[in-house]
Each structure stands twice: as structure tokens, then as C-alpha cells.
Amino acid sequence: MRDEYLKQAHKVISDPNILINVVSRRVKNLKNGARPLVESLEKLSLEDIALLEIIKGKISYELYSFPKREG
């Protein structure tokens, strides 16, 4: 994983736990045959592709909040 990509992606998703989860889910998608949403002239790892997609705003995330139980 490239440090520069990681630093830039951290500016987009500041919480490291969320960043790790978004990257790992996207890597899983890419491993299962999803096409990259960015192009590169050089060979990139799946992690770097996911980070670059985050940097370029090609993928986003949404936090899920559980509904409160009444009782």
C-alpha cells in the first residue's frame, strides 16, 4: 500500500477504522470481479486501487445507525 495514497485517502475519510473497512470491502469486491472505477498506467495493488477510488471520489460510504428499541 502506498503511503501517499493512504495519506490522501485519510483526508477524505478521517476515521482510520472506517477507512480500513471501506478499503477492505472494496478490495473484496475487486477480488470478486468488480471493475476498477479508476484507470492507471501502472500496475497497482487492489488496496491502492481502492484508495485511489476513495481519493477521486468514486466510492463513498454511509454509516448505519441501529434504530432504538422502545421498551
Protein backbone atom coordinates (compact mmCIF):
# COMPACT_ATOMS: atom_id res chain seq x y z
CA MET A 1 0.00 0.00 0.00
CA ARG A 2 1.41 3.36 -0.98
CA ASP A 3 1.88 5.82 1.87
CA GLU A 4 0.94 8.79 -0.30
CA TYR A 5 -2.39 7.21 -1.29
CA LEU A 6 -3.08 6.33 2.33
CA LYS A 7 -2.41 9.90 3.49
CA GLN A 8 -4.63 11.37 0.76
CA ALA A 9 -7.46 8.90 1.46
CA HIS A 10 -7.19 9.72 5.17
CA LYS A 11 -8.04 13.33 4.27
CA VAL A 12 -11.28 12.08 2.67
CA ILE A 13 -12.19 9.54 5.38
CA SER A 14 -10.59 10.79 8.58
CA ASP A 15 -11.59 7.88 10.85
CA PRO A 16 -8.96 5.14 10.37
CA ASN A 17 -11.38 2.35 11.31
CA ILE A 18 -13.90 3.45 8.70
CA LEU A 19 -11.14 3.88 6.11
CA ILE A 20 -9.89 0.34 6.74
CA ASN A 21 -13.42 -1.07 6.45
CA VAL A 22 -14.17 0.80 3.22
CA VAL A 23 -10.87 -0.29 1.65
CA SER A 24 -11.25 -3.92 2.74
CA ARG A 25 -14.81 -4.15 1.39
CA ARG A 26 -13.77 -2.61 -1.91
CA VAL A 27 -10.79 -4.97 -2.20
CA LYS A 28 -13.17 -7.88 -1.64
CA ASN A 29 -15.40 -6.52 -4.45
CA LEU A 30 -12.40 -6.19 -6.77
CA LYS A 31 -11.25 -9.74 -5.96
CA ASN A 32 -14.73 -10.99 -6.84
CA GLY A 33 -14.54 -9.46 -10.29
CA ALA A 34 -15.73 -5.86 -9.91
CA ARG A 35 -14.05 -3.50 -12.35
CA PRO A 36 -11.87 -0.67 -11.03
CA LEU A 37 -13.51 2.76 -11.20
CA VAL A 38 -10.17 4.46 -11.90
CA GLU A 39 -7.56 3.93 -14.57
CA SER A 40 -3.83 3.82 -14.05
CA LEU A 41 -0.93 3.44 -16.43
CA GLU A 42 1.00 1.49 -13.81
CA LYS A 43 0.23 -1.81 -12.09
CA LEU A 44 -1.47 -1.12 -8.76
CA SER A 45 -2.37 -3.45 -5.92
CA LEU A 46 -6.06 -3.88 -5.16
CA GLU A 47 -5.57 -1.84 -1.97
CA ASP A 48 -4.04 1.02 -3.94
CA ILE A 49 -6.90 0.91 -6.44
CA ALA A 50 -9.42 1.14 -3.58
CA LEU A 51 -7.52 4.06 -2.01
CA LEU A 52 -7.32 5.85 -5.36
CA GLU A 53 -11.06 5.38 -5.84
CA ILE A 54 -11.67 6.99 -2.44
CA ILE A 55 -9.29 9.87 -3.23
CA LYS A 56 -11.01 10.56 -6.55
CA GLY A 57 -14.49 10.40 -5.01
CA LYS A 58 -15.54 7.32 -6.97
CA ILE A 59 -16.73 5.41 -3.91
CA SER A 60 -18.31 6.62 -0.72
CA TYR A 61 -19.70 5.15 2.46
CA GLU A 62 -22.69 5.58 4.71
CA LEU A 63 -22.79 4.90 8.43
CA TYR A 64 -25.65 2.76 9.60
CA SER A 65 -27.31 3.56 12.90
CA PHE A 66 -29.47 0.96 14.57
CA PRO A 67 -32.98 2.05 15.48
CA LYS A 68 -33.52 2.44 19.21
CA ARG A 69 -35.72 -0.11 20.90
CA GLU A 70 -38.60 1.10 22.90
CA GLY A 71 -39.39 -0.83 25.95
